[in-house]
Amino acid sequence: MSTHLPLLSRRMLLGSLAGAAALASMPAMALGRLSDVRVIDRDRDTVLPLYQFRRELWVAGEPGGRYGIQLLNDSRERLLHVVSVDGVNVVTGETASFDQAGYVLEPQQRYDVNGWRKSRKEIAAFEFTRLSRSYAARTGRPDDVGVIGVAVFREREPFVLPRPPRPPFPPFDRSAPDMRSAPQLQDKSARGEPGTPLGTGHGDRERDRVGQTDFERRSDRPDEVIRIRYDSRENLIAMGIIPPERPHWRDRRPSAFPGSHRGYVPDPDR
């Protein structure tokens, strides 16, 4: 196990900031200039494919499935990642805003945010569930269910001695994300009506250890915001984001009498 742990930032007093609604108005990208973000299906250990639709990124979740938000600091400096799910800060449980605590990653460090932070040693797992059972809805905040946000901050240059070199972190396969564009025009008759939206529940407790550090932001505005929306596959098909599955056409012509043959009873296999 790697001894290099993600670090929680202490909150810096940076003045009045925009709230969670501002997160939706910022530019969104899954592969950012500073950090990359992926959504992981933890039950299958696979990366959920991204679908691009009307300048937004979507992933399809499966009700009851556990998922994680994989962060990679792809820069040459420490970065602070303030992460929200359904408009809720995943570390503090507050309604998400830019001035809150998050995860500090070293250059090229990767970390999977797999749940709601309960302590420095424990999380409650993220799991897809119906909106009414989501953590946000159960705490009286259902309006922003269905979106994952990561606000990335660069660090103000500290006047300290340089740190000793660290061993390299595990490699990060940059080819894994699958960016798929949804067709702009589809046969509406193939779509259904959207069902109950998905949210993120407060799942089982798991061990997940982190440390704590100070981090002074270079600016009170994030240097990058990454935003990914999610819902069930059935709902994404109904909304035209994922094309409906086409019937499978057979390569050969069907036979009216597939069991007919000339001759007599053949010998069994030896």
C-alpha atoms as a PDB file:
ATOM      1  CA  MET A   1       0.000   0.000   0.000  1.00  0.00           C
ATOM      2  CA  SER A   2       1.300   3.459  -0.839  1.00  0.00           C
ATOM      3  CA  THR A   3       2.267   5.593   2.141  1.00  0.00           C
ATOM      4  CA  HIS A   4       1.438   8.818   0.307  1.00  0.00           C
ATOM      5  CA  LEU A   5      -2.045   9.745   1.450  1.00  0.00           C
ATOM      6  CA  PRO A   6      -4.380  12.396   0.056  1.00  0.00           C
ATOM      7  CA  LEU A   7      -4.502  15.359   2.391  1.00  0.00           C
ATOM      8  CA  LEU A   8      -7.516  17.282   3.581  1.00  0.00           C
ATOM      9  CA  SER A   9      -7.156  21.032   3.379  1.00  0.00           C
ATOM     10  CA  ARG A  10      -7.995  23.356   6.261  1.00  0.00           C
ATOM     11  CA  ARG A  11     -10.433  26.044   5.234  1.00  0.00           C
ATOM     12  CA  MET A  12      -8.886  29.397   4.281  1.00  0.00           C
ATOM     13  CA  LEU A  13     -10.792  32.633   4.882  1.00  0.00           C
ATOM     14  CA  LEU A  14     -10.978  34.022   1.369  1.00  0.00           C
ATOM     15  CA  GLY A  15     -14.004  36.265   1.558  1.00  0.00           C
ATOM     16  CA  SER A  16     -17.490  35.839   0.195  1.00  0.00           C
ATOM     17  CA  LEU A  17     -17.775  33.317  -2.621  1.00  0.00           C
ATOM     18  CA  ALA A  18     -20.485  32.096  -4.917  1.00  0.00           C
ATOM     19  CA  GLY A  19     -22.418  29.059  -3.736  1.00  0.00           C
ATOM     20  CA  ALA A  20     -23.177  25.729  -5.336  1.00  0.00           C
ATOM     21  CA  ALA A  21     -25.254  27.304  -8.108  1.00  0.00           C
ATOM     22  CA  ALA A  22     -22.120  28.941  -9.505  1.00  0.00           C
ATOM     23  CA  LEU A  23     -20.579  25.523  -9.998  1.00  0.00           C
ATOM     24  CA  ALA A  24     -23.051  24.825 -12.787  1.00  0.00           C
ATOM     25  CA  SER A  25     -22.109  27.946 -14.718  1.00  0.00           C
ATOM     26  CA  MET A  26     -18.386  27.239 -15.019  1.00  0.00           C
ATOM     27  CA  PRO A  27     -16.780  25.506 -18.022  1.00  0.00           C
ATOM     28  CA  ALA A  28     -16.783  21.726 -17.716  1.00  0.00           C
ATOM     29  CA  MET A  29     -14.265  19.133 -18.888  1.00  0.00           C
ATOM     30  CA  ALA A  30     -13.478  15.555 -17.885  1.00  0.00           C
ATOM     31  CA  LEU A  31      -9.856  15.838 -19.043  1.00  0.00           C
ATOM     32  CA  GLY A  32      -8.801  19.186 -17.659  1.00  0.00           C
ATOM     33  CA  ARG A  33      -5.700  21.305 -18.010  1.00  0.00           C
ATOM     34  CA  LEU A  34      -4.637  20.537 -14.431  1.00  0.00           C
ATOM     35  CA  SER A  35      -6.552  17.461 -13.307  1.00  0.00           C
ATOM     36  CA  ASP A  36      -8.411  14.534 -14.845  1.00  0.00           C
ATOM     37  CA  VAL A  37     -11.637  13.131 -13.410  1.00  0.00           C
ATOM     38  CA  ARG A  38     -13.239   9.772 -14.057  1.00  0.00           C
ATOM     39  CA  VAL A  39     -16.236   7.960 -12.615  1.00  0.00           C
ATOM     40  CA  ILE A  40     -15.439   4.373 -11.620  1.00  0.00           C
ATOM     41  CA  ASP A  41     -17.864   1.462 -11.351  1.00  0.00           C
ATOM     42  CA  ARG A  42     -16.422  -0.072  -8.180  1.00  0.00           C
ATOM     43  CA  ASP A  43     -18.424  -3.292  -8.447  1.00  0.00           C
ATOM     44  CA  ARG A  44     -16.992  -4.083 -11.888  1.00  0.00           C
ATOM     45  CA  ASP A  45     -13.707  -2.156 -11.511  1.00  0.00           C
ATOM     46  CA  THR A  46     -14.282  -0.349 -14.789  1.00  0.00           C
ATOM     47  CA  VAL A  47     -14.395   3.275 -15.961  1.00  0.00           C
ATOM     48  CA  LEU A  48     -17.904   4.447 -16.826  1.00  0.00           C
ATOM     49  CA  PRO A  49     -18.016   5.822 -20.392  1.00  0.00           C
ATOM     50  CA  LEU A  50     -18.693   9.521 -20.848  1.00  0.00           C
ATOM     51  CA  TYR A  51     -21.421  10.771 -23.191  1.00  0.00           C
ATOM     52  CA  GLN A  52     -21.290  14.311 -24.534  1.00  0.00           C
ATOM     53  CA  PHE A  53     -24.679  15.918 -25.090  1.00  0.00           C
ATOM     54  CA  ARG A  54     -25.439  19.616 -25.554  1.00  0.00           C
ATOM     55  CA  ARG A  55     -22.063  20.656 -24.115  1.00  0.00           C
ATOM     56  CA  GLU A  56     -22.518  18.532 -20.999  1.00  0.00           C
ATOM     57  CA  LEU A  57     -20.869  15.273 -19.962  1.00  0.00           C
ATOM     58  CA  TRP A  58     -22.976  12.366 -18.712  1.00  0.00           C
ATOM     59  CA  VAL A  59     -22.402   8.905 -17.245  1.00  0.00           C
ATOM     60  CA  ALA A  60     -24.957   6.133 -16.827  1.00  0.00           C
ATOM     61  CA  GLY A  61     -25.275   4.688 -13.332  1.00  0.00           C
ATOM     62  CA  GLU A  62     -26.877   1.461 -12.194  1.00  0.00           C
ATOM     63  CA  PRO A  63     -29.248   1.578  -9.205  1.00  0.00           C
ATOM     64  CA  GLY A  64     -27.570  -0.049  -6.200  1.00  0.00           C
ATOM     65  CA  GLY A  65     -24.100   0.139  -7.757  1.00  0.00           C
ATOM     66  CA  ARG A  66     -21.133   1.585  -5.872  1.00  0.00           C
ATOM     67  CA  TYR A  67     -19.045   4.198  -7.642  1.00  0.00           C
ATOM     68  CA  GLY A  68     -15.999   6.371  -7.074  1.00  0.00           C
ATOM     69  CA  ILE A  69     -14.659   9.657  -8.416  1.00  0.00           C
ATOM     70  CA  GLN A  70     -11.062   9.166  -9.560  1.00  0.00           C
ATOM     71  CA  LEU A  71      -8.853  12.256  -9.413  1.00  0.00           C
ATOM     72  CA  LEU A  72      -5.457  12.660 -11.046  1.00  0.00           C
ATOM     73  CA  ASN A  73      -3.265  15.697 -10.458  1.00  0.00           C
ATOM     74  CA  ASP A  74      -1.745  15.971 -13.930  1.00  0.00           C
ATOM     75  CA  SER A  75       0.299  19.077 -13.106  1.00  0.00           C
ATOM     76  CA  ARG A  76       3.740  19.703 -11.611  1.00  0.00           C
ATOM     77  CA  GLU A  77       2.443  21.290  -8.403  1.00  0.00           C
ATOM     78  CA  ARG A  78       0.165  20.525  -5.482  1.00  0.00           C
ATOM     79  CA  LEU A  79      -3.515  21.061  -6.198  1.00  0.00           C
ATOM     80  CA  LEU A  80      -6.598  21.321  -4.030  1.00  0.00           C
ATOM     81  CA  HIS A  81      -9.702  19.486  -5.274  1.00  0.00           C
ATOM     82  CA  VAL A  82     -13.016  20.567  -3.732  1.00  0.00           C
ATOM     83  CA  VAL A  83     -15.436  17.760  -4.626  1.00  0.00           C
ATOM     84  CA  SER A  84     -19.225  17.896  -4.587  1.00  0.00           C
ATOM     85  CA  VAL A  85     -21.882  15.278  -5.269  1.00  0.00           C
ATOM     86  CA  ASP A  86     -25.508  16.327  -5.706  1.00  0.00           C
ATOM     87  CA  GLY A  87     -24.566  19.845  -4.578  1.00  0.00           C
ATOM     88  CA  VAL A  88     -23.078  18.590  -1.284  1.00  0.00           C
ATOM     89  CA  ASN A  89     -19.418  18.801  -0.243  1.00  0.00           C
ATOM     90  CA  VAL A  90     -18.182  15.210   0.098  1.00  0.00           C
ATOM     91  CA  VAL A  91     -15.824  16.061   2.994  1.00  0.00           C
ATOM     92  CA  THR A  92     -17.902  18.339   5.224  1.00  0.00           C
ATOM     93  CA  GLY A  93     -21.491  17.565   4.190  1.00  0.00           C
ATOM     94  CA  GLU A  94     -22.219  21.261   3.702  1.00  0.00           C
ATOM     95  CA  THR A  95     -24.068  22.672   0.704  1.00  0.00           C
ATOM     96  CA  ALA A  96     -21.179  22.901  -1.743  1.00  0.00           C
ATOM     97  CA  SER A  97     -19.287  26.132  -2.365  1.00  0.00           C
ATOM     98  CA  PHE A  98     -15.784  26.943  -3.537  1.00  0.00           C
ATOM     99  CA  ASP A  99     -14.337  28.003  -0.159  1.00  0.00           C
ATOM    100  CA  GLN A 100     -14.690  24.598   1.504  1.00  0.00           C
ATOM    101  CA  ALA A 101     -12.357  21.734   2.370  1.00  0.00           C
ATOM    102  CA  GLY A 102     -11.179  19.253  -0.228  1.00  0.00           C
ATOM    103  CA  TYR A 103      -8.388  16.844  -1.171  1.00  0.00           C
ATOM    104  CA  VAL A 104      -4.810  18.030  -1.772  1.00  0.00           C
ATOM    105  CA  LEU A 105      -2.891  15.892  -4.257  1.00  0.00           C
ATOM    106  CA  GLU A 106       0.818  15.924  -5.023  1.00  0.00           C
ATOM    107  CA  PRO A 107       1.979  16.165  -8.663  1.00  0.00           C
ATOM    108  CA  GLN A 108       0.897  13.059 -10.606  1.00  0.00           C
ATOM    109  CA  GLN A 109      -0.858  11.643  -7.539  1.00  0.00           C
ATOM    110  CA  ARG A 110      -4.094   9.745  -8.021  1.00  0.00           C
ATOM    111  CA  TYR A 111      -6.876   9.296  -5.480  1.00  0.00           C
ATOM    112  CA  ASP A 112     -10.303   7.662  -5.643  1.00  0.00           C
ATOM    113  CA  VAL A 113     -12.998   9.581  -3.764  1.00  0.00           C
ATOM    114  CA  ASN A 114     -15.218   6.611  -2.934  1.00  0.00           C
ATOM    115  CA  GLY A 115     -17.633   8.082  -0.428  1.00  0.00           C
ATOM    116  CA  TRP A 116     -18.780  10.708   2.030  1.00  0.00           C
ATOM    117  CA  ARG A 117     -15.974  11.520   4.466  1.00  0.00           C
ATOM    118  CA  LYS A 118     -16.963  10.487   8.028  1.00  0.00           C
ATOM    119  CA  SER A 119     -13.543  10.899   9.659  1.00  0.00           C
ATOM    120  CA  ARG A 120      -9.871  10.787   8.704  1.00  0.00           C
ATOM    121  CA  LYS A 121     -10.144   6.988   8.677  1.00  0.00           C
ATOM    122  CA  GLU A 122     -13.619   6.234   7.348  1.00  0.00           C
ATOM    123  CA  ILE A 123     -16.109   7.018   4.578  1.00  0.00           C
ATOM    124  CA  ALA A 124     -19.710   6.087   3.732  1.00  0.00           C
ATOM    125  CA  ALA A 125     -19.652   4.628   0.213  1.00  0.00           C
ATOM    126  CA  PHE A 126     -21.202   6.381  -2.765  1.00  0.00           C
ATOM    127  CA  GLU A 127     -23.959   4.257  -4.283  1.00  0.00           C
ATOM    128  CA  PHE A 128     -26.500   5.039  -6.973  1.00  0.00           C
ATOM    129  CA  THR A 129     -30.034   5.076  -5.637  1.00  0.00           C
ATOM    130  CA  ARG A 130     -33.387   6.676  -6.390  1.00  0.00           C
ATOM    131  CA  LEU A 131     -33.563  10.416  -5.811  1.00  0.00           C
ATOM    132  CA  SER A 132     -35.726  10.189  -2.681  1.00  0.00           C
ATOM    133  CA  ARG A 133     -33.101   7.951  -1.003  1.00  0.00           C
ATOM    134  CA  SER A 134     -30.131  10.147  -1.938  1.00  0.00           C
ATOM    135  CA  TYR A 135     -28.126  11.735   0.848  1.00  0.00           C
ATOM    136  CA  ALA A 136     -28.921  15.209  -0.491  1.00  0.00           C
ATOM    137  CA  ALA A 137     -32.682  14.571  -0.524  1.00  0.00           C
ATOM    138  CA  ARG A 138     -32.622  12.947   2.928  1.00  0.00           C
ATOM    139  CA  THR A 139     -30.922  16.073   4.282  1.00  0.00           C
ATOM    140  CA  GLY A 140     -33.442  18.416   2.656  1.00  0.00           C
ATOM    141  CA  ARG A 141     -31.407  19.413  -0.442  1.00  0.00           C
ATOM    142  CA  PRO A 142     -32.880  17.586  -3.484  1.00  0.00           C
ATOM    143  CA  ASP A 143     -32.573  20.403  -6.050  1.00  0.00           C
ATOM    144  CA  ASP A 144     -29.054  19.590  -7.313  1.00  0.00           C
ATOM    145  CA  VAL A 145     -29.190  15.791  -7.332  1.00  0.00           C
ATOM    146  CA  GLY A 146     -27.523  14.181 -10.351  1.00  0.00           C
ATOM    147  CA  VAL A 147     -24.261  16.095 -10.739  1.00  0.00           C
ATOM    148  CA  ILE A 148     -20.619  15.593  -9.728  1.00  0.00           C
ATOM    149  CA  GLY A 149     -18.387  18.656  -9.450  1.00  0.00           C
ATOM    150  CA  VAL A 150     -14.648  19.115  -8.912  1.00  0.00           C
ATOM    151  CA  ALA A 151     -13.235  22.613  -8.362  1.00  0.00           C
ATOM    152  CA  VAL A 152      -9.432  22.687  -8.740  1.00  0.00           C
ATOM    153  CA  PHE A 153      -7.237  25.313  -7.053  1.00  0.00           C
ATOM    154  CA  ARG A 154      -3.553  26.076  -7.520  1.00  0.00           C
ATOM    155  CA  GLU A 155      -1.409  26.881  -4.505  1.00  0.00           C
ATOM    156  CA  ARG A 156       0.073  30.256  -3.626  1.00  0.00           C
ATOM    157  CA  GLU A 157       3.851  29.970  -3.792  1.00  0.00           C
ATOM    158  CA  PRO A 158       5.036  29.178  -0.237  1.00  0.00           C
ATOM    159  CA  PHE A 159       8.347  30.543   1.042  1.00  0.00           C
ATOM    160  CA  VAL A 160       9.723  27.234   2.289  1.00  0.00           C
ATOM    161  CA  LEU A 161      12.584  24.919   1.420  1.00  0.00           C
ATOM    162  CA  PRO A 162      11.878  22.543  -1.464  1.00  0.00           C
ATOM    163  CA  ARG A 163      10.549  19.148  -0.487  1.00  0.00           C
ATOM    164  CA  PRO A 164      12.710  16.052  -0.856  1.00  0.00           C
ATOM    165  CA  PRO A 165      11.918  13.961  -3.961  1.00  0.00           C
ATOM    166  CA  ARG A 166       9.135  11.405  -3.618  1.00  0.00           C
ATOM    167  CA  PRO A 167       8.924   7.999  -5.273  1.00  0.00           C
ATOM    168  CA  PRO A 168       6.664   7.900  -8.353  1.00  0.00           C
ATOM    169  CA  PHE A 169       2.979   7.172  -7.932  1.00  0.00           C
ATOM    170  CA  PRO A 170       1.236   4.314  -9.761  1.00  0.00           C
ATOM    171  CA  PRO A 171       0.762   5.004 -13.488  1.00  0.00           C
ATOM    172  CA  PHE A 172      -2.549   6.467 -14.633  1.00  0.00           C
ATOM    173  CA  ASP A 173      -3.932   5.093 -17.878  1.00  0.00           C
ATOM    174  CA  ARG A 174      -5.056   8.195 -19.750  1.00  0.00           C
ATOM    175  CA  SER A 175      -6.646   6.117 -22.504  1.00  0.00           C
ATOM    176  CA  ALA A 176      -9.399   4.716 -20.267  1.00  0.00           C
ATOM    177  CA  PRO A 177     -12.090   7.428 -20.533  1.00  0.00           C
ATOM    178  CA  ASP A 178     -14.518   6.805 -23.345  1.00  0.00           C
ATOM    179  CA  MET A 179     -15.964  10.018 -24.779  1.00  0.00           C
ATOM    180  CA  ARG A 180     -19.054   9.304 -26.818  1.00  0.00           C
ATOM    181  CA  SER A 181     -21.112  11.930 -28.601  1.00  0.00           C
ATOM    182  CA  ALA A 182     -24.856  11.444 -28.516  1.00  0.00           C
ATOM    183  CA  PRO A 183     -26.553  11.789 -31.901  1.00  0.00           C
ATOM    184  CA  GLN A 184     -28.384  15.072 -32.291  1.00  0.00           C
ATOM    185  CA  LEU A 185     -31.352  13.494 -34.074  1.00  0.00           C
ATOM    186  CA  GLN A 186     -32.861  10.167 -33.120  1.00  0.00           C
ATOM    187  CA  ASP A 187     -36.100   8.369 -33.741  1.00  0.00           C
ATOM    188  CA  LYS A 188     -38.279   9.629 -30.894  1.00  0.00           C
ATOM    189  CA  SER A 189     -40.467   6.555 -31.167  1.00  0.00           C
ATOM    190  CA  ALA A 190     -37.525   4.484 -29.936  1.00  0.00           C
ATOM    191  CA  ARG A 191     -37.279   6.482 -26.740  1.00  0.00           C
ATOM    192  CA  GLY A 192     -39.276   5.864 -23.591  1.00  0.00           C
ATOM    193  CA  GLU A 193     -40.368   8.276 -20.914  1.00  0.00           C
ATOM    194  CA  PRO A 194     -37.755   9.140 -18.260  1.00  0.00           C
ATOM    195  CA  GLY A 195     -38.239   7.251 -15.005  1.00  0.00           C
ATOM    196  CA  THR A 196     -37.214   8.070 -11.447  1.00  0.00           C
ATOM    197  CA  PRO A 197     -33.945  10.047 -11.451  1.00  0.00           C
ATOM    198  CA  LEU A 198     -30.849   8.649  -9.800  1.00  0.00           C
ATOM    199  CA  GLY A 199     -29.106  10.179  -6.809  1.00  0.00           C
ATOM    200  CA  THR A 200     -26.188   9.205  -4.592  1.00  0.00           C
ATOM    201  CA  GLY A 201     -26.918   7.409  -1.346  1.00  0.00           C
ATOM    202  CA  HIS A 202     -25.079   7.185   1.979  1.00  0.00           C
ATOM    203  CA  GLY A 203     -23.773   3.617   1.777  1.00  0.00           C
ATOM    204  CA  ASP A 204     -21.873   1.244   4.014  1.00  0.00           C
ATOM    205  CA  ARG A 205     -18.914   2.435   6.077  1.00  0.00           C
ATOM    206  CA  GLU A 206     -15.469   1.684   4.664  1.00  0.00           C
ATOM    207  CA  ARG A 207     -11.930   2.352   5.845  1.00  0.00           C
ATOM    208  CA  ASP A 208     -10.236   5.150   3.891  1.00  0.00           C
ATOM    209  CA  ARG A 209      -7.366   6.955   5.612  1.00  0.00           C
ATOM    210  CA  VAL A 210      -6.260  10.515   4.861  1.00  0.00           C
ATOM    211  CA  GLY A 211      -4.018  13.102   6.500  1.00  0.00           C
ATOM    212  CA  GLN A 212      -4.397  16.840   6.957  1.00  0.00           C
ATOM    213  CA  THR A 213      -2.385  19.772   5.647  1.00  0.00           C
ATOM    214  CA  ASP A 214      -2.487  23.520   5.145  1.00  0.00           C
ATOM    215  CA  PHE A 215      -3.122  24.849   1.657  1.00  0.00           C
ATOM    216  CA  GLU A 216      -3.251  28.533   0.710  1.00  0.00           C
ATOM    217  CA  ARG A 217      -5.057  29.089  -2.551  1.00  0.00           C
ATOM    218  CA  ARG A 218      -3.566  31.320  -5.183  1.00  0.00           C
ATOM    219  CA  SER A 219      -7.017  32.742  -5.913  1.00  0.00           C
ATOM    220  CA  ASP A 220     -10.456  32.591  -4.368  1.00  0.00           C
ATOM    221  CA  ARG A 221     -11.782  31.463  -7.745  1.00  0.00           C
ATOM    222  CA  PRO A 222     -11.019  27.922  -8.965  1.00  0.00           C
ATOM    223  CA  ASP A 223      -8.480  27.508 -11.738  1.00  0.00           C
ATOM    224  CA  GLU A 224     -10.618  24.758 -13.242  1.00  0.00           C
ATOM    225  CA  VAL A 225     -14.066  23.248 -12.688  1.00  0.00           C
ATOM    226  CA  ILE A 226     -14.999  19.790 -13.952  1.00  0.00           C
ATOM    227  CA  ARG A 227     -18.674  18.861 -14.026  1.00  0.00           C
ATOM    228  CA  ILE A 228     -20.212  15.474 -14.858  1.00  0.00           C
ATOM    229  CA  ARG A 229     -23.916  14.703 -14.741  1.00  0.00           C
ATOM    230  CA  TYR A 230     -25.370  11.252 -14.200  1.00  0.00           C
ATOM    231  CA  ASP A 231     -28.613   9.287 -14.352  1.00  0.00           C
ATOM    232  CA  SER A 232     -29.761   5.748 -15.096  1.00  0.00           C
ATOM    233  CA  ARG A 233     -29.090   4.257 -18.520  1.00  0.00           C
ATOM    234  CA  GLU A 234     -32.826   3.999 -19.162  1.00  0.00           C
ATOM    235  CA  ASN A 235     -33.287   7.699 -18.424  1.00  0.00           C
ATOM    236  CA  LEU A 236     -30.351   8.701 -20.623  1.00  0.00           C
ATOM    237  CA  ILE A 237     -31.842   6.697 -23.485  1.00  0.00           C
ATOM    238  CA  ALA A 238     -35.228   8.340 -22.906  1.00  0.00           C
ATOM    239  CA  MET A 239     -33.601  11.799 -22.976  1.00  0.00           C
ATOM    240  CA  GLY A 240     -31.766  11.002 -26.213  1.00  0.00           C
ATOM    241  CA  ILE A 241     -28.314  11.087 -24.635  1.00  0.00           C
ATOM    242  CA  ILE A 242     -27.597   7.398 -25.282  1.00  0.00           C
ATOM    243  CA  PRO A 243     -28.916   5.946 -28.552  1.00  0.00           C
ATOM    244  CA  PRO A 244     -31.437   3.109 -28.092  1.00  0.00           C
ATOM    245  CA  GLU A 245     -30.212  -0.392 -28.739  1.00  0.00           C
ATOM    246  CA  ARG A 246     -30.940  -1.632 -32.241  1.00  0.00           C
ATOM    247  CA  PRO A 247     -32.308  -5.142 -32.855  1.00  0.00           C
ATOM    248  CA  HIS A 248     -29.646  -7.657 -33.808  1.00  0.00           C
ATOM    249  CA  TRP A 249     -30.005  -8.817 -37.411  1.00  0.00           C
ATOM    250  CA  ARG A 250     -28.845 -12.334 -38.184  1.00  0.00           C
ATOM    251  CA  ASP A 251     -26.228 -12.931 -40.850  1.00  0.00           C
ATOM    252  CA  ARG A 252     -28.102 -15.833 -42.459  1.00  0.00           C
ATOM    253  CA  ARG A 253     -31.676 -16.271 -43.644  1.00  0.00           C
ATOM    254  CA  PRO A 254     -33.916 -18.140 -41.216  1.00  0.00           C
ATOM    255  CA  SER A 255     -35.069 -21.638 -42.234  1.00  0.00           C
ATOM    256  CA  ALA A 256     -38.716 -22.605 -42.106  1.00  0.00           C
ATOM    257  CA  PHE A 257     -37.790 -26.231 -41.245  1.00  0.00           C
ATOM    258  CA  PRO A 258     -34.450 -26.126 -39.444  1.00  0.00           C
ATOM    259  CA  GLY A 259     -34.835 -29.668 -38.145  1.00  0.00           C
ATOM    260  CA  SER A 260     -35.443 -31.362 -41.497  1.00  0.00           C
ATOM    261  CA  HIS A 261     -32.665 -33.380 -43.149  1.00  0.00           C
ATOM    262  CA  ARG A 262     -32.343 -36.203 -45.614  1.00  0.00           C
ATOM    263  CA  GLY A 263     -31.052 -39.601 -44.641  1.00  0.00           C
ATOM    264  CA  TYR A 264     -31.275 -41.733 -41.526  1.00  0.00           C
ATOM    265  CA  VAL A 265     -30.349 -41.545 -37.869  1.00  0.00           C
ATOM    266  CA  PRO A 266     -26.656 -40.579 -37.548  1.00  0.00           C
ATOM    267  CA  ASP A 267     -24.265 -42.274 -35.147  1.00  0.00           C
ATOM    268  CA  PRO A 268     -23.652 -40.510 -31.805  1.00  0.00           C
ATOM    269  CA  ASP A 269     -20.337 -38.827 -31.092  1.00  0.00           C
ATOM    270  CA  ARG A 270     -17.692 -41.138 -29.716  1.00  0.00           C
END
